[in-house]
Amino acid sequence: AGSQGRHYYRYTVDPARNLLTLKNSNPNYAAETLQLTYTKAG
């Protein structure tokens, strides 16, 4: 709230598939969802 320049996403983790499901926290972008796999490369 009261900030611009960044988009904020709440996410859930599926550790079995290394999957992050991101949902935009801003109610102005309530339908925005990203699904991203993550790899920790060291």
ModelCIF file with pLDDT and N, C-alpha, C, O atoms, coordinates in Angstrom:
data_MODEL
#
_entry.id   MODEL 
#
_entity.id                         1 
_entity.type                       polymer 
_entity.pdbx_number_of_molecules   1 
#
_entity_poly.entity_id                      1 
_entity_poly.type                           'polypeptide(L)' 
_entity_poly.nstd_linkage                   no 
_entity_poly.nstd_monomer                   no 
_entity_poly.pdbx_seq_one_letter_code       AGSQGRHYYRYTVDPARNLLTLKNSNPNYAAETLQLTYTKAG 
_entity_poly.pdbx_seq_one_letter_code_can   AGSQGRHYYRYTVDPARNLLTLKNSNPNYAAETLQLTYTKAG 
_entity_poly.pdbx_strand_id                 A 
#
loop_
_entity_poly_seq.entity_id 
_entity_poly_seq.num 
_entity_poly_seq.mon_id 
_entity_poly_seq.hetero 
1 1  ALA n 
1 2  GLY n 
1 3  SER n 
1 4  GLN n 
1 5  GLY n 
1 6  ARG n 
1 7  HIS n 
1 8  TYR n 
1 9  TYR n 
1 10 ARG n 
1 11 TYR n 
1 12 THR n 
1 13 VAL n 
1 14 ASP n 
1 15 PRO n 
1 16 ALA n 
1 17 ARG n 
1 18 ASN n 
1 19 LEU n 
1 20 LEU n 
1 21 THR n 
1 22 LEU n 
1 23 LYS n 
1 24 ASN n 
1 25 SER n 
1 26 ASN n 
1 27 PRO n 
1 28 ASN n 
1 29 TYR n 
1 30 ALA n 
1 31 ALA n 
1 32 GLU n 
1 33 THR n 
1 34 LEU n 
1 35 GLN n 
1 36 LEU n 
1 37 THR n 
1 38 TYR n 
1 39 THR n 
1 40 LYS n 
1 41 ALA n 
1 42 GLY n 
#
_struct_asym.id          A 
_struct_asym.entity_id   1 
#
loop_
_ma_qa_metric.id 
_ma_qa_metric.mode 
_ma_qa_metric.name 
_ma_qa_metric.software_group_id 
_ma_qa_metric.type 
1 global pLDDT . pLDDT 
2 local  pLDDT . pLDDT 
#
_ma_qa_metric_global.metric_id      1 
_ma_qa_metric_global.metric_value   92.86 
_ma_qa_metric_global.model_id       1 
_ma_qa_metric_global.ordinal_id     1 
#
loop_
_ma_qa_metric_local.label_asym_id 
_ma_qa_metric_local.label_comp_id 
_ma_qa_metric_local.label_seq_id 
_ma_qa_metric_local.metric_id 
_ma_qa_metric_local.metric_value 
_ma_qa_metric_local.model_id 
_ma_qa_metric_local.ordinal_id 
A ALA 1  2 91.00 1 1  
A GLY 2  2 91.00 1 2  
A SER 3  2 92.00 1 3  
A GLN 4  2 91.00 1 4  
A GLY 5  2 90.00 1 5  
A ARG 6  2 94.00 1 6  
A HIS 7  2 95.00 1 7  
A TYR 8  2 96.00 1 8  
A TYR 9  2 95.00 1 9  
A ARG 10 2 95.00 1 10 
A TYR 11 2 95.00 1 11 
A THR 12 2 94.00 1 12 
A VAL 13 2 95.00 1 13 
A ASP 14 2 94.00 1 14 
A PRO 15 2 92.00 1 15 
A ALA 16 2 93.00 1 16 
A ARG 17 2 93.00 1 17 
A ASN 18 2 93.00 1 18 
A LEU 19 2 95.00 1 19 
A LEU 20 2 95.00 1 20 
A THR 21 2 95.00 1 21 
A LEU 22 2 95.00 1 22 
A LYS 23 2 95.00 1 23 
A ASN 24 2 94.00 1 24 
A SER 25 2 92.00 1 25 
A ASN 26 2 92.00 1 26 
A PRO 27 2 91.00 1 27 
A ASN 28 2 91.00 1 28 
A TYR 29 2 92.00 1 29 
A ALA 30 2 89.00 1 30 
A ALA 31 2 90.00 1 31 
A GLU 32 2 93.00 1 32 
A THR 33 2 93.00 1 33 
A LEU 34 2 94.00 1 34 
A GLN 35 2 94.00 1 35 
A LEU 36 2 95.00 1 36 
A THR 37 2 95.00 1 37 
A TYR 38 2 95.00 1 38 
A THR 39 2 94.00 1 39 
A LYS 40 2 92.00 1 40 
A ALA 41 2 88.00 1 41 
A GLY 42 2 82.00 1 42 
#
loop_
_atom_site.group_PDB 
_atom_site.id 
_atom_site.type_symbol 
_atom_site.label_atom_id 
_atom_site.label_alt_id 
_atom_site.label_comp_id 
_atom_site.label_asym_id 
_atom_site.label_entity_id 
_atom_site.label_seq_id 
_atom_site.pdbx_PDB_ins_code 
_atom_site.Cartn_x 
_atom_site.Cartn_y 
_atom_site.Cartn_z 
_atom_site.occupancy 
_atom_site.B_iso_or_equiv 
_atom_site.pdbx_formal_charge 
_atom_site.auth_seq_id 
_atom_site.auth_comp_id 
_atom_site.auth_asym_id 
_atom_site.auth_atom_id 
_atom_site.pdbx_PDB_model_num 
ATOM 1   N N  . ALA A 1 1  ? 0.840  -1.205  0.000   1.00 91.00 ? 1  ALA A N  1 
ATOM 2   C CA . ALA A 1 1  ? 0.000  0.000   0.000   1.00 91.00 ? 1  ALA A CA 1 
ATOM 3   C C  . ALA A 1 1  ? 0.872  1.251   0.000   1.00 91.00 ? 1  ALA A C  1 
ATOM 4   O O  . ALA A 1 1  ? 1.872  1.327   0.714   1.00 91.00 ? 1  ALA A O  1 
ATOM 5   N N  . GLY A 1 2  ? 0.483  2.218   -0.800  1.00 91.00 ? 2  GLY A N  1 
ATOM 6   C CA . GLY A 1 2  ? 1.208  3.487   -0.840  1.00 91.00 ? 2  GLY A CA 1 
ATOM 7   C C  . GLY A 1 2  ? 2.551  3.415   -1.531  1.00 91.00 ? 2  GLY A C  1 
ATOM 8   O O  . GLY A 1 2  ? 3.384  4.302   -1.342  1.00 91.00 ? 2  GLY A O  1 
ATOM 9   N N  . SER A 1 3  ? 2.791  2.365   -2.340  1.00 92.00 ? 3  SER A N  1 
ATOM 10  C CA . SER A 1 3  ? 4.083  2.216   -3.024  1.00 92.00 ? 3  SER A CA 1 
ATOM 11  C C  . SER A 1 3  ? 3.874  1.870   -4.486  1.00 92.00 ? 3  SER A C  1 
ATOM 12  O O  . SER A 1 3  ? 2.922  1.180   -4.850  1.00 92.00 ? 3  SER A O  1 
ATOM 13  N N  . GLN A 1 4  ? 4.784  2.364   -5.318  1.00 91.00 ? 4  GLN A N  1 
ATOM 14  C CA . GLN A 1 4  ? 4.812  1.972   -6.716  1.00 91.00 ? 4  GLN A CA 1 
ATOM 15  C C  . GLN A 1 4  ? 6.241  1.545   -7.048  1.00 91.00 ? 4  GLN A C  1 
ATOM 16  O O  . GLN A 1 4  ? 7.126  1.609   -6.194  1.00 91.00 ? 4  GLN A O  1 
ATOM 17  N N  . GLY A 1 5  ? 6.466  1.112   -8.285  1.00 90.00 ? 5  GLY A N  1 
ATOM 18  C CA . GLY A 1 5  ? 7.799  0.682   -8.688  1.00 90.00 ? 5  GLY A CA 1 
ATOM 19  C C  . GLY A 1 5  ? 8.025  -0.810  -8.546  1.00 90.00 ? 5  GLY A C  1 
ATOM 20  O O  . GLY A 1 5  ? 8.929  -1.364  -9.171  1.00 90.00 ? 5  GLY A O  1 
ATOM 21  N N  . ARG A 1 6  ? 7.202  -1.476  -7.720  1.00 94.00 ? 6  ARG A N  1 
ATOM 22  C CA . ARG A 1 6  ? 7.328  -2.917  -7.542  1.00 94.00 ? 6  ARG A CA 1 
ATOM 23  C C  . ARG A 1 6  ? 5.933  -3.545  -7.611  1.00 94.00 ? 6  ARG A C  1 
ATOM 24  O O  . ARG A 1 6  ? 4.944  -2.937  -7.201  1.00 94.00 ? 6  ARG A O  1 
ATOM 25  N N  . HIS A 1 7  ? 5.873  -4.763  -8.132  1.00 95.00 ? 7  HIS A N  1 
ATOM 26  C CA . HIS A 1 7  ? 4.649  -5.557  -8.078  1.00 95.00 ? 7  HIS A CA 1 
ATOM 27  C C  . HIS A 1 7  ? 4.856  -6.668  -7.049  1.00 95.00 ? 7  HIS A C  1 
ATOM 28  O O  . HIS A 1 7  ? 5.876  -7.356  -7.045  1.00 95.00 ? 7  HIS A O  1 
ATOM 29  N N  . TYR A 1 8  ? 3.863  -6.821  -6.183  1.00 96.00 ? 8  TYR A N  1 
ATOM 30  C CA . TYR A 1 8  ? 3.952  -7.765  -5.070  1.00 96.00 ? 8  TYR A CA 1 
ATOM 31  C C  . TYR A 1 8  ? 3.087  -8.987  -5.355  1.00 96.00 ? 8  TYR A C  1 
ATOM 32  O O  . TYR A 1 8  ? 1.945  -8.871  -5.800  1.00 96.00 ? 8  TYR A O  1 
ATOM 33  N N  . TYR A 1 9  ? 3.659  -10.168 -5.085  1.00 95.00 ? 9  TYR A N  1 
ATOM 34  C CA . TYR A 1 9  ? 2.960  -11.429 -5.325  1.00 95.00 ? 9  TYR A CA 1 
ATOM 35  C C  . TYR A 1 9  ? 3.049  -12.302 -4.074  1.00 95.00 ? 9  TYR A C  1 
ATOM 36  O O  . TYR A 1 9  ? 4.124  -12.458 -3.494  1.00 95.00 ? 9  TYR A O  1 
ATOM 37  N N  . ARG A 1 10 ? 1.928  -12.864 -3.665  1.00 95.00 ? 10 ARG A N  1 
ATOM 38  C CA . ARG A 1 10 ? 1.934  -13.928 -2.665  1.00 95.00 ? 10 ARG A CA 1 
ATOM 39  C C  . ARG A 1 10 ? 2.067  -15.246 -3.415  1.00 95.00 ? 10 ARG A C  1 
ATOM 40  O O  . ARG A 1 10 ? 1.488  -15.418 -4.487  1.00 95.00 ? 10 ARG A O  1 
ATOM 41  N N  . TYR A 1 11 ? 2.822  -16.161 -2.857  1.00 95.00 ? 11 TYR A N  1 
ATOM 42  C CA . TYR A 1 11 ? 3.062  -17.394 -3.590  1.00 95.00 ? 11 TYR A CA 1 
ATOM 43  C C  . TYR A 1 11 ? 2.902  -18.616 -2.704  1.00 95.00 ? 11 TYR A C  1 
ATOM 44  O O  . TYR A 1 11 ? 3.025  -18.551 -1.481  1.00 95.00 ? 11 TYR A O  1 
ATOM 45  N N  . THR A 1 12 ? 2.624  -19.729 -3.362  1.00 94.00 ? 12 THR A N  1 
ATOM 46  C CA . THR A 1 12 ? 2.606  -21.037 -2.714  1.00 94.00 ? 12 THR A CA 1 
ATOM 47  C C  . THR A 1 12 ? 3.704  -21.881 -3.340  1.00 94.00 ? 12 THR A C  1 
ATOM 48  O O  . THR A 1 12 ? 4.081  -21.681 -4.494  1.00 94.00 ? 12 THR A O  1 
ATOM 49  N N  . VAL A 1 13 ? 4.207  -22.822 -2.562  1.00 95.00 ? 13 VAL A N  1 
ATOM 50  C CA . VAL A 1 13 ? 5.332  -23.654 -3.001  1.00 95.00 ? 13 VAL A CA 1 
ATOM 51  C C  . VAL A 1 13 ? 4.875  -25.103 -3.114  1.00 95.00 ? 13 VAL A C  1 
ATOM 52  O O  . VAL A 1 13 ? 4.260  -25.656 -2.203  1.00 95.00 ? 13 VAL A O  1 
ATOM 53  N N  . ASP A 1 14 ? 5.190  -25.691 -4.241  1.00 94.00 ? 14 ASP A N  1 
ATOM 54  C CA . ASP A 1 14 ? 5.006  -27.140 -4.425  1.00 94.00 ? 14 ASP A CA 1 
ATOM 55  C C  . ASP A 1 14 ? 6.405  -27.752 -4.476  1.00 94.00 ? 14 ASP A C  1 
ATOM 56  O O  . ASP A 1 14 ? 7.000  -27.818 -5.551  1.00 94.00 ? 14 ASP A O  1 
ATOM 57  N N  . PRO A 1 15 ? 6.948  -28.203 -3.335  1.00 92.00 ? 15 PRO A N  1 
ATOM 58  C CA . PRO A 1 15 ? 8.337  -28.673 -3.316  1.00 92.00 ? 15 PRO A CA 1 
ATOM 59  C C  . PRO A 1 15 ? 8.564  -29.923 -4.156  1.00 92.00 ? 15 PRO A C  1 
ATOM 60  O O  . PRO A 1 15 ? 9.679  -30.168 -4.617  1.00 92.00 ? 15 PRO A O  1 
ATOM 61  N N  . ALA A 1 16 ? 7.512  -30.717 -4.358  1.00 93.00 ? 16 ALA A N  1 
ATOM 62  C CA . ALA A 1 16 ? 7.674  -31.937 -5.143  1.00 93.00 ? 16 ALA A CA 1 
ATOM 63  C C  . ALA A 1 16 ? 7.999  -31.617 -6.597  1.00 93.00 ? 16 ALA A C  1 
ATOM 64  O O  . ALA A 1 16 ? 8.759  -32.338 -7.243  1.00 93.00 ? 16 ALA A O  1 
ATOM 65  N N  . ARG A 1 17 ? 7.415  -30.523 -7.113  1.00 93.00 ? 17 ARG A N  1 
ATOM 66  C CA . ARG A 1 17 ? 7.649  -30.149 -8.510  1.00 93.00 ? 17 ARG A CA 1 
ATOM 67  C C  . ARG A 1 17 ? 8.507  -28.897 -8.645  1.00 93.00 ? 17 ARG A C  1 
ATOM 68  O O  . ARG A 1 17 ? 8.695  -28.374 -9.744  1.00 93.00 ? 17 ARG A O  1 
ATOM 69  N N  . ASN A 1 18 ? 9.039  -28.410 -7.481  1.00 93.00 ? 18 ASN A N  1 
ATOM 70  C CA . ASN A 1 18 ? 9.813  -27.166 -7.497  1.00 93.00 ? 18 ASN A CA 1 
ATOM 71  C C  . ASN A 1 18 ? 9.037  -26.054 -8.210  1.00 93.00 ? 18 ASN A C  1 
ATOM 72  O O  . ASN A 1 18 ? 9.567  -25.339 -9.059  1.00 93.00 ? 18 ASN A O  1 
ATOM 73  N N  . LEU A 1 19 ? 7.752  -25.938 -7.827  1.00 95.00 ? 19 LEU A N  1 
ATOM 74  C CA . LEU A 1 19 ? 6.852  -25.015 -8.520  1.00 95.00 ? 19 LEU A CA 1 
ATOM 75  C C  . LEU A 1 19 ? 6.388  -23.913 -7.578  1.00 95.00 ? 19 LEU A C  1 
ATOM 76  O O  . LEU A 1 19 ? 5.956  -24.176 -6.455  1.00 95.00 ? 19 LEU A O  1 
ATOM 77  N N  . LEU A 1 20 ? 6.485  -22.673 -8.055  1.00 95.00 ? 20 LEU A N  1 
ATOM 78  C CA . LEU A 1 20 ? 5.946  -21.506 -7.348  1.00 95.00 ? 20 LEU A CA 1 
ATOM 79  C C  . LEU A 1 20 ? 4.734  -21.004 -8.117  1.00 95.00 ? 20 LEU A C  1 
ATOM 80  O O  . LEU A 1 20 ? 4.801  -20.788 -9.327  1.00 95.00 ? 20 LEU A O  1 
ATOM 81  N N  . THR A 1 21 ? 3.622  -20.817 -7.405  1.00 95.00 ? 21 THR A N  1 
ATOM 82  C CA . THR A 1 21 ? 2.427  -20.213 -8.006  1.00 95.00 ? 21 THR A CA 1 
ATOM 83  C C  . THR A 1 21 ? 2.261  -18.829 -7.398  1.00 95.00 ? 21 THR A C  1 
ATOM 84  O O  . THR A 1 21 ? 1.971  -18.693 -6.210  1.00 95.00 ? 21 THR A O  1 
ATOM 85  N N  . LEU A 1 22 ? 2.446  -17.809 -8.217  1.00 95.00 ? 22 LEU A N  1 
ATOM 86  C CA . LEU A 1 22 ? 2.408  -16.424 -7.759  1.00 95.00 ? 22 LEU A CA 1 
ATOM 87  C C  . LEU A 1 22 ? 1.071  -15.784 -8.105  1.00 95.00 ? 22 LEU A C  1 
ATOM 88  O O  . LEU A 1 22 ? 0.574  -15.924 -9.223  1.00 95.00 ? 22 LEU A O  1 
ATOM 89  N N  . LYS A 1 23 ? 0.498  -15.081 -7.139  1.00 95.00 ? 23 LYS A N  1 
ATOM 90  C CA . LYS A 1 23 ? -0.754 -14.348 -7.370  1.00 95.00 ? 23 LYS A CA 1 
ATOM 91  C C  . LYS A 1 23 ? -0.537 -12.909 -6.934  1.00 95.00 ? 23 LYS A C  1 
ATOM 92  O O  . LYS A 1 23 ? -0.098 -12.651 -5.814  1.00 95.00 ? 23 LYS A O  1 
ATOM 93  N N  . ASN A 1 24 ? -0.845 -11.980 -7.816  1.00 94.00 ? 24 ASN A N  1 
ATOM 94  C CA . ASN A 1 24 ? -0.620 -10.564 -7.524  1.00 94.00 ? 24 ASN A CA 1 
ATOM 95  C C  . ASN A 1 24 ? -1.440 -10.134 -6.303  1.00 94.00 ? 24 ASN A C  1 
ATOM 96  O O  . ASN A 1 24 ? -2.652 -10.344 -6.258  1.00 94.00 ? 24 ASN A O  1 
ATOM 97  N N  . SER A 1 25 ? -0.768 -9.528  -5.315  1.00 92.00 ? 25 SER A N  1 
ATOM 98  C CA . SER A 1 25 ? -1.437 -9.129  -4.070  1.00 92.00 ? 25 SER A CA 1 
ATOM 99  C C  . SER A 1 25 ? -2.305 -7.896  -4.249  1.00 92.00 ? 25 SER A C  1 
ATOM 100 O O  . SER A 1 25 ? -3.273 -7.703  -3.512  1.00 92.00 ? 25 SER A O  1 
ATOM 101 N N  . ASN A 1 26 ? -1.970 -7.071  -5.211  1.00 92.00 ? 26 ASN A N  1 
ATOM 102 C CA . ASN A 1 26 ? -2.700 -5.832  -5.453  1.00 92.00 ? 26 ASN A CA 1 
ATOM 103 C C  . ASN A 1 26 ? -4.089 -6.161  -5.992  1.00 92.00 ? 26 ASN A C  1 
ATOM 104 O O  . ASN A 1 26 ? -4.198 -6.805  -7.035  1.00 92.00 ? 26 ASN A O  1 
ATOM 105 N N  . PRO A 1 27 ? -5.156 -5.736  -5.308  1.00 91.00 ? 27 PRO A N  1 
ATOM 106 C CA . PRO A 1 27 ? -6.509 -6.058  -5.790  1.00 91.00 ? 27 PRO A CA 1 
ATOM 107 C C  . PRO A 1 27 ? -6.818 -5.490  -7.169  1.00 91.00 ? 27 PRO A C  1 
ATOM 108 O O  . PRO A 1 27 ? -7.767 -5.932  -7.817  1.00 91.00 ? 27 PRO A O  1 
ATOM 109 N N  . ASN A 1 28 ? -6.025 -4.511  -7.633  1.00 91.00 ? 28 ASN A N  1 
ATOM 110 C CA . ASN A 1 28 ? -6.202 -3.989  -8.985  1.00 91.00 ? 28 ASN A CA 1 
ATOM 111 C C  . ASN A 1 28 ? -5.719 -4.966  -10.055 1.00 91.00 ? 28 ASN A C  1 
ATOM 112 O O  . ASN A 1 28 ? -6.007 -4.793  -11.240 1.00 91.00 ? 28 ASN A O  1 
ATOM 113 N N  . TYR A 1 29 ? -4.983 -5.994  -9.630  1.00 92.00 ? 29 TYR A N  1 
ATOM 114 C CA . TYR A 1 29 ? -4.485 -7.020  -10.553 1.00 92.00 ? 29 TYR A CA 1 
ATOM 115 C C  . TYR A 1 29 ? -4.836 -8.406  -10.014 1.00 92.00 ? 29 TYR A C  1 
ATOM 116 O O  . TYR A 1 29 ? -4.022 -9.327  -10.065 1.00 92.00 ? 29 TYR A O  1 
ATOM 117 N N  . ALA A 1 30 ? -6.036 -8.539  -9.507  1.00 89.00 ? 30 ALA A N  1 
ATOM 118 C CA . ALA A 1 30 ? -6.429 -9.762  -8.804  1.00 89.00 ? 30 ALA A CA 1 
ATOM 119 C C  . ALA A 1 30 ? -6.378 -10.999 -9.686  1.00 89.00 ? 30 ALA A C  1 
ATOM 120 O O  . ALA A 1 30 ? -6.192 -12.103 -9.175  1.00 89.00 ? 30 ALA A O  1 
ATOM 121 N N  . ALA A 1 31 ? -6.537 -10.846 -10.996 1.00 90.00 ? 31 ALA A N  1 
ATOM 122 C CA . ALA A 1 31 ? -6.570 -12.008 -11.894 1.00 90.00 ? 31 ALA A CA 1 
ATOM 123 C C  . ALA A 1 31 ? -5.181 -12.437 -12.360 1.00 90.00 ? 31 ALA A C  1 
ATOM 124 O O  . ALA A 1 31 ? -5.045 -13.429 -13.077 1.00 90.00 ? 31 ALA A O  1 
ATOM 125 N N  . GLU A 1 32 ? -4.156 -11.700 -11.958 1.00 93.00 ? 32 GLU A N  1 
ATOM 126 C CA . GLU A 1 32 ? -2.812 -11.965 -12.473 1.00 93.00 ? 32 GLU A CA 1 
ATOM 127 C C  . GLU A 1 32 ? -2.137 -13.104 -11.707 1.00 93.00 ? 32 GLU A C  1 
ATOM 128 O O  . GLU A 1 32 ? -1.948 -13.014 -10.494 1.00 93.00 ? 32 GLU A O  1 
ATOM 129 N N  . THR A 1 33 ? -1.781 -14.160 -12.409 1.00 93.00 ? 33 THR A N  1 
ATOM 130 C CA . THR A 1 33 ? -1.152 -15.336 -11.802 1.00 93.00 ? 33 THR A CA 1 
ATOM 131 C C  . THR A 1 33 ? 0.029  -15.794 -12.659 1.00 93.00 ? 33 THR A C  1 
ATOM 132 O O  . THR A 1 33 ? -0.055 -15.815 -13.887 1.00 93.00 ? 33 THR A O  1 
ATOM 133 N N  . LEU A 1 34 ? 1.127  -16.160 -11.996 1.00 94.00 ? 34 LEU A N  1 
ATOM 134 C CA . LEU A 1 34 ? 2.293  -16.700 -12.674 1.00 94.00 ? 34 LEU A CA 1 
ATOM 135 C C  . LEU A 1 34 ? 2.603  -18.075 -12.095 1.00 94.00 ? 34 LEU A C  1 
ATOM 136 O O  . LEU A 1 34 ? 2.444  -18.300 -10.895 1.00 94.00 ? 34 LEU A O  1 
ATOM 137 N N  . GLN A 1 35 ? 3.041  -18.985 -12.943 1.00 94.00 ? 35 GLN A N  1 
ATOM 138 C CA . GLN A 1 35 ? 3.492  -20.300 -12.489 1.00 94.00 ? 35 GLN A CA 1 
ATOM 139 C C  . GLN A 1 35 ? 4.930  -20.492 -12.958 1.00 94.00 ? 35 GLN A C  1 
ATOM 140 O O  . GLN A 1 35 ? 5.208  -20.532 -14.157 1.00 94.00 ? 35 GLN A O  1 
ATOM 141 N N  . LEU A 1 36 ? 5.842  -20.610 -11.987 1.00 95.00 ? 36 LEU A N  1 
ATOM 142 C CA . LEU A 1 36 ? 7.265  -20.640 -12.282 1.00 95.00 ? 36 LEU A CA 1 
ATOM 143 C C  . LEU A 1 36 ? 7.930  -21.796 -11.535 1.00 95.00 ? 36 LEU A C  1 
ATOM 144 O O  . LEU A 1 36 ? 7.705  -21.988 -10.341 1.00 95.00 ? 36 LEU A O  1 
ATOM 145 N N  . THR A 1 37 ? 8.738  -22.548 -12.242 1.00 95.00 ? 37 THR A N  1 
ATOM 146 C CA . THR A 1 37 ? 9.583  -23.535 -11.560 1.00 95.00 ? 37 THR A CA 1 
ATOM 147 C C  . THR A 1 37 ? 10.840 -22.826 -11.073 1.00 95.00 ? 37 THR A C  1 
ATOM 148 O O  . THR A 1 37 ? 11.292 -21.857 -11.683 1.00 95.00 ? 37 THR A O  1 
ATOM 149 N N  . TYR A 1 38 ? 11.393 -23.309 -9.986  1.00 95.00 ? 38 TYR A N  1 
ATOM 150 C CA . TYR A 1 38 ? 12.603 -22.688 -9.438  1.00 95.00 ? 38 TYR A CA 1 
ATOM 151 C C  . TYR A 1 38 ? 13.708 -23.733 -9.330  1.00 95.00 ? 38 TYR A C  1 
ATOM 152 O O  . TYR A 1 38 ? 13.474 -24.900 -9.015  1.00 95.00 ? 38 TYR A O  1 
ATOM 153 N N  . THR A 1 39 ? 14.919 -23.261 -9.606  1.00 94.00 ? 39 THR A N  1 
ATOM 154 C CA . THR A 1 39 ? 16.112 -24.094 -9.491  1.00 94.00 ? 39 THR A CA 1 
ATOM 155 C C  . THR A 1 39 ? 17.167 -23.311 -8.726  1.00 94.00 ? 39 THR A C  1 
ATOM 156 O O  . THR A 1 39 ? 17.540 -22.208 -9.126  1.00 94.00 ? 39 THR A O  1 
ATOM 157 N N  . LYS A 1 40 ? 17.647 -23.879 -7.623  1.00 92.00 ? 40 LYS A N  1 
ATOM 158 C CA . LYS A 1 40 ? 18.724 -23.239 -6.870  1.00 92.00 ? 40 LYS A CA 1 
ATOM 159 C C  . LYS A 1 40 ? 20.049 -23.715 -7.450  1.00 92.00 ? 40 LYS A C  1 
ATOM 160 O O  . LYS A 1 40 ? 20.435 -24.869 -7.267  1.00 92.00 ? 40 LYS A O  1 
ATOM 161 N N  . ALA A 1 41 ? 20.744 -22.820 -8.152  1.00 88.00 ? 41 ALA A N  1 
ATOM 162 C CA . ALA A 1 41 ? 21.942 -23.185 -8.904  1.00 88.00 ? 41 ALA A CA 1 
ATOM 163 C C  . ALA A 1 41 ? 23.222 -23.034 -8.104  1.00 88.00 ? 41 ALA A C  1 
ATOM 164 O O  . ALA A 1 41 ? 24.302 -23.260 -8.650  1.00 88.00 ? 41 ALA A O  1 
ATOM 165 N N  . GLY A 1 42 ? 23.148 -22.665 -6.848  1.00 82.00 ? 42 GLY A N  1 
ATOM 166 C CA . GLY A 1 42 ? 24.338 -22.470 -6.039  1.00 82.00 ? 42 GLY A CA 1 
ATOM 167 C C  . GLY A 1 42 ? 24.830 -21.042 -6.092  1.00 82.00 ? 42 GLY A C  1 
ATOM 168 O O  . GLY A 1 42 ? 25.832 -20.711 -5.459  1.00 82.00 ? 42 GLY A O  1 
#
